[in-house]
Protein backbone atom coordinates (compact mmCIF):
# COMPACT_ATOMS: atom_id res chain seq x y z
CA MET A 1 9.06 -27.48 2.75
CA PRO A 2 9.01 -26.06 -0.79
CA THR A 3 11.40 -23.21 -1.50
CA ILE A 4 10.16 -19.78 -2.59
CA LEU A 5 12.21 -16.83 -3.82
CA VAL A 6 11.21 -13.47 -2.32
CA VAL A 7 12.30 -10.20 -3.92
CA ALA A 8 12.08 -7.45 -1.32
CA THR A 9 13.54 -4.25 -0.01
CA THR A 10 15.31 -4.21 3.34
CA GLY A 11 15.82 -1.88 6.28
CA PRO A 12 13.76 -0.74 9.30
CA GLU A 13 10.70 0.39 7.30
CA ALA A 14 10.55 -2.96 5.49
CA GLN A 15 10.67 -4.71 8.85
CA ASP A 16 7.94 -2.50 10.30
CA TYR A 17 5.51 -2.90 7.40
CA ARG A 18 6.45 -6.21 5.71
CA GLY A 19 8.13 -8.18 8.46
CA TYR A 20 4.86 -9.98 9.20
CA CYS A 21 4.77 -11.21 5.58
CA LEU A 22 8.21 -12.79 5.73
CA GLU A 23 7.49 -14.33 9.13
CA ALA A 24 4.21 -15.86 7.95
CA VAL A 25 5.61 -17.32 4.74
CA ALA A 26 8.59 -18.79 6.63
CA GLN A 27 6.15 -21.03 8.53
CA ARG A 28 5.25 -22.84 5.31
CA TYR A 29 8.16 -22.29 2.91
CA ASP A 30 11.92 -22.22 2.89
CA ILE A 31 12.69 -18.67 1.81
CA VAL A 32 15.59 -17.50 -0.33
CA LEU A 33 15.84 -13.73 -0.64
CA ILE A 34 17.03 -11.17 -3.17
CA THR A 35 17.45 -7.77 -1.56
CA PRO A 36 19.45 -4.62 -2.34
CA ALA A 37 21.49 -4.73 0.89
CA GLU A 38 22.88 -7.22 3.38
CA PRO A 39 19.97 -8.87 5.26
CA THR A 40 19.71 -8.10 8.97
CA TRP A 41 16.36 -8.81 10.66
CA GLU A 42 15.42 -11.11 7.77
CA ARG A 43 18.06 -13.74 8.57
CA GLU A 44 15.94 -15.69 11.05
CA PHE A 45 13.32 -16.26 8.34
CA ILE A 46 15.51 -17.16 5.33
CA ILE A 47 17.84 -20.00 4.36
CA ASP A 48 19.84 -18.21 1.66
CA PHE A 49 20.13 -14.86 -0.10
CA GLU A 50 21.71 -12.85 -2.88
CA ILE A 51 22.35 -9.11 -2.83
CA ALA A 52 21.21 -7.34 -6.00
CA ASP A 53 19.39 -4.17 -6.99
CA PRO A 54 16.01 -5.35 -8.35
CA ASP A 55 15.92 -2.26 -10.58
CA ASN A 56 19.00 -3.61 -12.37
CA ALA A 57 17.52 -6.23 -14.71
CA GLN A 58 20.74 -8.16 -15.32
CA ALA A 59 21.77 -8.12 -11.66
CA LEU A 60 18.34 -9.44 -10.68
CA VAL A 61 18.51 -12.24 -13.23
CA ASP A 62 22.03 -13.19 -12.17
CA ALA A 63 20.98 -13.33 -8.52
CA GLY A 64 17.87 -15.34 -9.32
CA GLN A 65 19.80 -17.85 -11.42
CA ALA A 66 22.43 -18.22 -8.69
CA LEU A 67 19.72 -19.09 -6.18
CA ALA A 68 18.00 -21.40 -8.68
CA GLU A 69 21.26 -23.33 -9.07
CA ARG A 70 21.47 -23.85 -5.31
CA HIS A 71 17.77 -24.54 -4.63
CA ASP A 72 14.76 -26.15 -6.30
CA LEU A 73 12.53 -23.07 -6.53
CA ALA A 74 8.75 -23.48 -6.54
CA GLY A 75 7.93 -19.82 -7.19
CA VAL A 76 8.93 -16.19 -6.84
CA VAL A 77 6.97 -13.40 -5.14
CA THR A 78 7.28 -9.78 -4.09
CA TRP A 79 5.12 -7.52 -1.94
CA THR A 80 7.11 -4.43 -2.95
CA GLU A 81 5.23 -2.17 -5.37
CA TRP A 82 8.33 -1.01 -7.22
CA TYR A 83 9.49 -4.57 -7.96
CA LEU A 84 6.32 -6.06 -9.45
CA ALA A 85 7.28 -6.00 -13.13
CA GLN A 86 10.91 -6.94 -12.46
CA THR A 87 9.87 -9.92 -10.36
CA ALA A 88 7.47 -11.09 -13.08
CA ARG A 89 10.30 -10.93 -15.63
CA LEU A 90 12.50 -12.95 -13.31
CA ALA A 91 9.76 -15.55 -12.84
CA ARG A 92 9.41 -15.91 -16.61
CA ARG A 93 13.18 -16.20 -17.01
CA LEU A 94 13.29 -18.97 -14.38
CA GLY A 95 10.23 -20.75 -15.79
CA LEU A 96 8.17 -20.13 -12.66
CA PRO A 97 4.43 -19.24 -12.41
CA SER A 98 3.56 -15.58 -12.95
CA SER A 99 0.86 -13.31 -14.37
CA GLY A 100 3.55 -11.94 -16.69
CA PRO A 101 5.62 -8.74 -16.80
CA GLU A 102 3.30 -7.06 -19.31
CA VAL A 103 0.40 -7.52 -16.90
CA MET A 104 2.38 -6.06 -13.99
CA GLU A 105 3.50 -3.12 -16.10
CA GLY A 106 -0.14 -2.42 -16.96
CA ALA A 107 -1.12 -2.55 -13.30
CA ARG A 108 1.75 -0.21 -12.40
CA ASN A 109 0.95 2.29 -15.17
CA LYS A 110 -2.29 3.98 -14.19
CA ALA A 111 -2.86 5.40 -17.68
CA VAL A 112 -2.71 1.90 -19.19
CA ALA A 113 -4.94 0.57 -16.42
CA ARG A 114 -7.56 3.27 -17.04
CA SER A 115 -7.71 2.36 -20.76
CA LEU A 116 -8.13 -1.32 -19.90
CA PHE A 117 -10.88 -0.54 -17.40
CA ALA A 118 -12.71 1.48 -20.08
CA ARG A 119 -12.26 -1.27 -22.68
CA HIS A 120 -13.73 -3.90 -20.36
CA GLY A 121 -16.53 -1.76 -18.97
CA VAL A 122 -15.14 -1.42 -15.44
CA PRO A 123 -16.52 1.77 -13.82
CA SER A 124 -13.58 4.10 -13.29
CA ALA A 125 -12.65 7.79 -13.39
CA ALA A 126 -12.28 9.90 -16.51
CA SER A 127 -8.55 10.34 -17.07
CA MET A 128 -6.20 12.17 -19.44
CA THR A 129 -2.41 12.29 -19.68
CA ALA A 130 -0.59 15.62 -19.41
CA HIS A 131 3.02 16.27 -20.39
CA SER A 132 2.91 19.97 -19.48
CA LEU A 133 0.96 22.53 -17.49
CA LEU A 134 -0.80 23.64 -20.68
CA GLU A 135 -1.94 20.09 -21.43
CA ALA A 136 -3.08 19.72 -17.83
CA ALA A 137 -5.13 22.93 -18.13
CA LEU A 138 -6.79 21.70 -21.33
CA ALA A 139 -7.52 18.32 -19.74
CA ALA A 140 -8.98 19.98 -16.66
CA GLU A 141 -11.33 22.07 -18.79
CA THR A 142 -12.47 18.90 -20.58
CA ILE A 143 -13.01 16.86 -17.41
CA GLY A 144 -14.23 19.71 -15.22
CA TYR A 145 -13.12 20.87 -11.78
CA PRO A 146 -12.47 19.57 -9.19
CA ILE A 147 -9.79 17.29 -10.61
CA VAL A 148 -7.11 15.00 -9.23
CA LEU A 149 -3.50 15.20 -10.41
CA LYS A 150 -1.32 12.13 -9.87
CA PRO A 151 1.83 10.44 -11.20
CA ALA A 152 1.03 7.72 -13.70
CA ALA A 153 3.31 5.15 -12.04
CA ARG A 154 3.69 5.81 -8.34
CA ALA A 155 2.03 4.54 -5.15
CA ALA A 156 1.40 5.42 -1.48
CA SER A 157 -0.40 8.67 -2.50
CA ILE A 158 2.94 10.16 -3.61
CA GLY A 159 2.32 13.24 -5.75
CA VAL A 160 -1.48 12.94 -5.59
CA ILE A 161 -3.36 16.21 -5.07
CA ARG A 162 -6.85 17.62 -5.60
CA VAL A 163 -7.23 20.86 -7.52
CA ASP A 164 -10.54 22.69 -7.14
CA ARG A 165 -9.93 25.80 -9.26
CA VAL A 166 -7.83 26.84 -12.24
CA GLU A 167 -5.80 29.18 -9.98
CA GLU A 168 -4.54 26.16 -8.03
CA LEU A 169 -3.44 24.25 -11.12
CA PRO A 170 0.20 25.48 -11.47
CA ASP A 171 1.16 24.54 -7.91
CA GLY A 172 -0.80 21.30 -8.11
CA PHE A 173 0.82 20.27 -11.37
CA ALA A 174 4.28 21.03 -9.97
CA PHE A 175 3.54 18.83 -6.93
CA ALA A 176 2.34 15.91 -9.07
CA ALA A 177 5.18 16.28 -11.57
CA ALA A 178 7.73 16.17 -8.77
CA GLY A 179 6.23 12.88 -7.59
CA ALA A 180 6.19 11.50 -11.14
CA ARG A 181 9.90 12.02 -11.80
CA ASP A 182 10.88 8.78 -10.05
CA GLY A 183 8.29 6.64 -11.82
CA ILE A 184 9.70 3.51 -13.45
CA GLU A 185 6.99 2.60 -15.97
CA SER A 186 6.06 6.25 -16.66
CA THR A 187 7.00 9.78 -15.59
CA LYS A 188 3.77 11.30 -16.89
CA VAL A 189 1.09 13.10 -14.89
CA LEU A 190 -2.57 12.12 -15.06
CA VAL A 191 -5.46 14.57 -14.87
CA GLU A 192 -8.48 12.72 -13.52
CA GLU A 193 -12.07 13.18 -12.51
CA TYR A 194 -12.49 13.66 -8.77
CA LEU A 195 -14.57 10.83 -7.36
CA ASP A 196 -16.57 12.24 -4.46
CA GLY A 197 -17.39 9.55 -1.92
CA PRO A 198 -15.94 7.30 0.80
CA GLU A 199 -12.80 5.38 -0.14
CA VAL A 200 -12.32 1.66 0.43
CA SER A 201 -10.04 -1.08 -0.79
CA VAL A 202 -10.91 -4.69 -1.55
CA GLU A 203 -8.30 -7.28 -0.60
CA CYS A 204 -8.45 -10.03 -3.22
CA VAL A 205 -6.77 -13.34 -4.00
CA THR A 206 -6.68 -14.61 -7.59
CA HIS A 207 -5.80 -18.20 -8.45
CA ARG A 208 -5.84 -19.53 -12.01
CA GLY A 209 -8.06 -16.65 -13.12
CA HIS A 210 -10.64 -16.92 -10.34
CA THR A 211 -10.76 -14.01 -7.88
CA THR A 212 -12.01 -14.20 -4.30
CA ALA A 213 -12.66 -10.95 -2.43
CA VAL A 214 -11.45 -11.66 1.11
CA ALA A 215 -12.16 -8.39 2.91
CA VAL A 216 -13.03 -4.71 2.60
CA THR A 217 -10.78 -2.09 4.14
CA ARG A 218 -12.47 1.16 5.15
CA LYS A 219 -10.17 4.19 4.92
CA THR A 220 -9.81 7.53 6.67
CA LEU A 221 -8.05 10.24 4.66
CA GLY A 222 -6.09 13.23 5.88
CA ALA A 223 -6.95 16.84 5.15
CA PRO A 224 -7.38 17.87 1.49
CA PRO A 225 -5.99 18.60 -1.00
CA PHE A 226 -3.84 15.53 -0.34
CA PHE A 227 -5.02 11.92 -0.27
CA GLU A 228 -2.85 10.45 2.44
CA GLU A 229 -4.52 7.53 4.21
CA ILE A 230 -4.25 8.03 7.97
CA ALA A 231 -6.33 5.10 9.23
CA HIS A 232 -7.78 1.78 8.06
CA SER A 233 -10.22 -0.74 9.51
CA VAL A 234 -11.29 -4.25 8.52
CA ASP A 235 -14.45 -5.97 9.77
CA ALA A 236 -15.10 -9.61 8.90
CA ALA A 237 -18.83 -8.87 8.92
CA ASP A 238 -18.67 -5.81 6.64
CA PRO A 239 -21.85 -5.91 4.50
CA LEU A 240 -20.12 -3.89 1.78
CA LEU A 241 -18.01 -6.88 0.67
CA ASP A 242 -20.72 -8.45 -1.49
CA GLN A 243 -21.35 -5.12 -3.25
CA VAL A 244 -17.74 -4.26 -4.13
CA ALA A 245 -16.44 -7.79 -4.84
CA PRO A 246 -17.74 -8.04 -8.45
CA VAL A 247 -16.24 -4.70 -9.47
CA ALA A 248 -12.88 -5.59 -7.90
CA ALA A 249 -12.86 -8.96 -9.69
CA ALA A 250 -13.74 -7.28 -13.00
CA ALA A 251 -10.87 -4.81 -12.61
CA ILE A 252 -8.38 -7.60 -11.89
CA LYS A 253 -9.62 -9.55 -14.92
CA ALA A 254 -9.39 -6.44 -17.13
CA LEU A 255 -5.69 -6.09 -16.26
CA GLY A 256 -5.06 -9.76 -17.05
CA ILE A 257 -3.97 -10.78 -13.55
CA THR A 258 -4.34 -14.56 -13.25
CA ASP A 259 -2.62 -15.24 -9.93
CA GLY A 260 -1.67 -13.30 -6.81
CA VAL A 261 -2.95 -10.97 -4.12
CA SER A 262 -4.39 -7.60 -5.16
CA HIS A 263 -5.25 -4.45 -3.24
CA VAL A 264 -8.08 -2.83 -5.25
CA GLU A 265 -8.85 0.79 -4.38
CA MET A 266 -12.20 2.37 -5.20
CA ARG A 267 -14.62 5.06 -4.11
CA LEU A 268 -18.34 4.77 -3.56
CA VAL A 269 -19.95 7.56 -5.59
CA ASN A 270 -23.69 7.82 -4.95
CA GLY A 271 -23.47 4.31 -3.55
CA ARG A 272 -21.80 2.85 -6.65
CA SER A 273 -18.25 1.52 -6.95
CA ARG A 274 -15.79 3.51 -9.10
CA LEU A 275 -12.26 2.20 -9.55
CA ILE A 276 -9.25 4.20 -8.46
CA GLU A 277 -6.52 1.61 -9.10
CA VAL A 278 -5.44 -2.00 -8.71
CA ASN A 279 -2.23 -2.66 -6.80
CA ALA A 280 -1.06 -6.16 -7.71
CA ARG A 281 0.33 -6.94 -4.27
CA ILE A 282 -0.65 -7.00 -0.60
CA GLY A 283 -1.89 -3.64 0.64
CA GLY A 284 0.52 -1.47 2.59
CA ASP A 285 0.08 0.04 6.05
CA MET A 286 -0.22 -3.43 7.63
CA ILE A 287 -3.54 -4.11 5.88
CA GLY A 288 -2.65 -7.77 5.40
CA HIS A 289 -2.15 -8.05 9.16
CA LEU A 290 -5.52 -6.39 9.79
CA VAL A 291 -7.18 -8.90 7.46
CA GLN A 292 -5.65 -11.80 9.37
CA LEU A 293 -6.65 -10.35 12.74
CA ALA A 294 -10.24 -9.88 11.53
CA THR A 295 -10.80 -12.95 9.35
CA GLY A 296 -7.92 -15.37 9.96
CA VAL A 297 -7.02 -15.34 6.24
CA ASP A 298 -3.27 -15.00 5.73
CA LEU A 299 -2.71 -12.91 2.59
CA ALA A 300 1.08 -13.29 2.73
CA CYS A 301 0.76 -17.08 2.58
CA ALA A 302 -1.89 -16.74 -0.13
CA ALA A 303 0.55 -14.67 -2.19
CA ALA A 304 3.23 -17.34 -1.74
CA ASP A 305 0.83 -20.17 -2.56
CA THR A 306 -0.44 -18.60 -5.78
CA ALA A 307 3.13 -17.73 -6.81
CA CYS A 308 3.95 -21.43 -6.51
CA GLY A 309 0.87 -22.58 -8.40
CA GLN A 310 -0.83 -23.88 -5.24
CA THR A 311 -4.44 -23.35 -4.17
CA PRO A 312 -4.48 -20.80 -1.31
CA ASP A 313 -6.32 -21.46 1.93
CA LEU A 314 -8.95 -18.71 2.20
CA ALA A 315 -11.12 -20.27 4.91
CA ARG A 316 -12.18 -17.77 7.57
CA THR A 317 -11.21 -18.76 11.08
CA ARG A 318 -11.97 -15.46 12.83
CA HIS A 319 -14.98 -13.15 12.86
CA SER A 320 -13.86 -9.90 14.43
CA ALA A 321 -12.35 -6.53 13.45
CA ALA A 322 -9.09 -4.62 13.53
CA ALA A 323 -7.98 -1.04 12.93
CA ILE A 324 -4.71 0.80 12.35
CA ARG A 325 -4.03 4.46 13.08
CA LEU A 326 -1.01 6.04 11.41
CA LEU A 327 0.65 8.57 13.68
CA TYR A 328 1.49 12.08 12.50
CA PRO A 329 2.37 15.31 14.28
CA ASN A 330 0.13 18.33 13.97
CA THR A 331 2.94 20.39 12.46
CA SER A 332 6.32 19.97 10.82
CA GLY A 333 9.37 20.31 13.02
CA THR A 334 11.69 18.46 15.39
CA LEU A 335 10.25 15.49 17.28
CA THR A 336 10.65 16.25 21.01
CA HIS A 337 8.26 13.77 22.68
CA CYS A 338 7.09 10.33 21.54
CA HIS A 339 5.76 8.06 24.28
CA LEU A 340 2.75 5.92 25.23
CA ASP A 341 1.72 5.67 28.88
CA ASP A 342 3.06 2.29 30.09
CA ASP A 343 0.27 1.68 32.58
CA PHE A 344 -2.36 2.24 29.92
CA ALA A 345 -0.66 -0.18 27.50
CA THR A 346 -0.54 -2.88 30.18
CA ASP A 347 -4.29 -2.58 30.76
CA ALA A 348 -5.20 -2.66 27.03
CA PRO A 349 -4.95 -6.28 25.78
CA TRP A 350 -6.76 -5.20 22.62
CA LEU A 351 -3.76 -3.02 21.67
CA ASP A 352 -2.22 -5.47 19.22
CA GLN A 353 0.82 -3.36 18.36
CA ILE A 354 2.34 0.10 18.62
CA THR A 355 5.43 0.92 16.60
CA PHE A 356 7.45 4.14 16.66
CA GLN A 357 9.52 4.72 13.52
CA ARG A 358 11.17 7.99 14.52
CA THR A 359 13.51 8.89 17.33
CA LEU A 360 13.64 12.08 19.36
CA GLY A 361 15.44 14.81 17.47
CA ASP A 362 14.26 13.62 14.04
CA THR A 363 12.80 16.18 11.66
CA VAL A 364 9.26 15.39 10.52
CA ALA A 365 7.84 17.29 7.55
CA LEU A 366 4.19 17.41 6.54
CA PRO A 367 3.21 18.48 3.01
CA PRO A 368 3.95 20.91 1.55
CA ASP A 369 7.13 21.09 3.70
CA GLY A 370 7.83 17.43 2.91
CA GLY A 371 7.33 15.61 -0.37
CA ASP A 372 4.61 13.36 1.05
CA MET A 373 2.95 12.41 4.33
CA PHE A 374 5.27 9.45 4.83
CA SER A 375 8.10 11.88 5.56
CA ALA A 376 6.13 12.99 8.63
CA ARG A 377 4.88 9.60 9.82
CA VAL A 378 6.04 8.83 13.34
CA GLY A 379 4.62 5.31 13.60
CA PHE A 380 1.38 3.40 13.90
CA LEU A 381 -0.87 1.57 16.35
CA ILE A 382 -3.19 -1.42 15.80
CA THR A 383 -6.27 -2.31 17.85
CA THR A 384 -8.74 -5.20 17.76
CA ALA A 385 -12.41 -5.48 18.74
CA ALA A 386 -15.66 -7.21 17.87
CA THR A 387 -16.57 -4.49 15.33
CA ALA A 388 -14.68 -1.95 13.24
CA ALA A 389 -16.39 0.95 15.04
CA GLU A 390 -15.18 -0.35 18.38
CA ALA A 391 -11.65 -0.98 17.07
CA GLN A 392 -11.51 2.58 15.73
CA GLU A 393 -12.77 3.99 19.01
CA ARG A 394 -10.09 2.04 20.88
CA ALA A 395 -7.47 3.48 18.50
CA ARG A 396 -8.65 6.98 19.36
CA THR A 397 -8.43 6.08 23.05
CA VAL A 398 -4.80 5.03 22.60
CA GLU A 399 -4.03 8.37 20.96
CA GLU A 400 -5.38 10.16 24.03
CA HIS A 401 -2.66 8.44 26.09
CA LEU A 402 0.06 9.18 23.55
CA ASP A 403 2.49 12.06 24.00
CA LEU A 404 3.58 13.17 20.53
CA THR A 405 5.15 16.62 20.33
CA THR A 406 7.06 18.56 17.69
CA GLU A 407 8.94 21.82 17.99
CA PRO A 408 8.20 23.84 14.82
CA HIS A 409 11.06 25.26 12.79
CA ILE A 410 9.07 28.37 11.94
CA PRO A 411 10.15 31.30 14.17
CA GLY A 412 7.41 32.29 16.57
CA ALA A 413 5.27 29.18 15.96
CA ARG A 414 3.97 27.17 18.92
CA SER A 415 4.79 23.50 19.39
CA ALA A 416 2.11 20.94 18.62
CA ARG A 417 1.23 18.21 21.08
CA THR A 418 -1.21 15.34 20.65
CA GLY A 419 -2.48 13.23 23.55
CA HIS A 420 -1.65 14.00 27.17
CA ALA A 421 1.15 16.30 28.25
C-alpha cells in the first residue's frame, strides 16, 4: 500500500472524534504519524511515527524529513483545524501535493476569507475587523444590530456570540476577544452581520480544482447568544444538496483550494445561501462518520486520496440517514450520574454509537461559566434510520433513557437531570 503522512493531535478526544478517520485510512494506506505526544490508541493503525509539536515549524519539518528518509511518502494530510497551514508548508517542503500554505492560511483567517468571497461574488456576511471595543461599536453601527462577534482565526464556535443591542456589546466583545487570544493566523475580532436562517454545512471533496458536494448536514444550535452546535443530521436524499452545492463550490474556488475535503458552513436567509466559513478539512463532531453511514462515501479516505494526488471514490453505496446528538447537562456543576439503560441499548440496533467523554466527579461548565460549550460536553450518541427526521427522533428517544445529572456549584441551586431518574 502507498504510505501517507498524517499530522494529528493525540489523546482521548482525538480518539473519540477522529479515530474513525485513522482507522478508515489505515485500510488503504500505510500510515506514518506526526503527533505532539507518544501515540497510544493510534499504534494499531500506524507503521511509524515521530513526536513533534506541529506548531513548531522547524520541529515539524525535522520530523517530516525523518519519516521521508525512512519511507516513500505519497502525500501528507491532517484533519486537525489548527494544523492546516503547517501541514501545507510541510507538504511543500517535502515536494508532496498540497493546495499550498497561503491557501490554508486564507481559509483559517476569516477576515481574509470574507474579502475573497466578496472579490469573487460569493454571497457572504458583511464583516469588519475590530481591534478594540470602540472599533467594534463603530462597526456595529455601520452593519446594524443584531451582530455576531467572533475570533478571526478560531473554530468550533469558540468565542462566537450574538449581540442584539449596544448595551450587550462590552461583554460580548470581551467574550470574543478572549477566544481570539489563542488564534494562530490572527488574534483579531470580527464584527459581522447576523444571518437569520437555518444553518447547514456542505461536505465537499475537491480534486484538481473540481469540487463535488457529497452531502448536506443539517444543524441544531444551542440557546442564543452562543452558536454551539448541539446536533447534526445527514440524509442521502436531502433535496437541499443541489441548491447549496454551487455556492459551496464557488467559496472553495474563491479561497484557491484545489484538493482536499472541505466543510462549508452557510445559512439559508430567505431561502438563499449565505456563506459563514469554509473549513478546509473534514467536519468535526463525527460528521464524516454520519456521511458514510448515510451515503457510503468515506471522506477520510477521500482526504487521503486527494492528498496523494489520486482520484477519490465518491460513489454512493448507501441511501439512508444518520444523526448525532451532543450531550450536555442542563447546568454547570459536578457530574454525578451518566448512564444509559442497558436493556434499552440492547433493543436499539439503530443506535450506532454512544460515547461518554466525562467521568463521575468531573466538573462541567456551560457558558458563561466555561469558555465554550465543549468544556461542558459529556459525550455524544449516533443513530441511523431511513430518513433524517426518523434518525433525529430516535436520538431523542435515546436521551429519554439517559441518566445525566449534575450537582450545581451555586449554593441553593437544584441539581439538573436529563432522561429518567
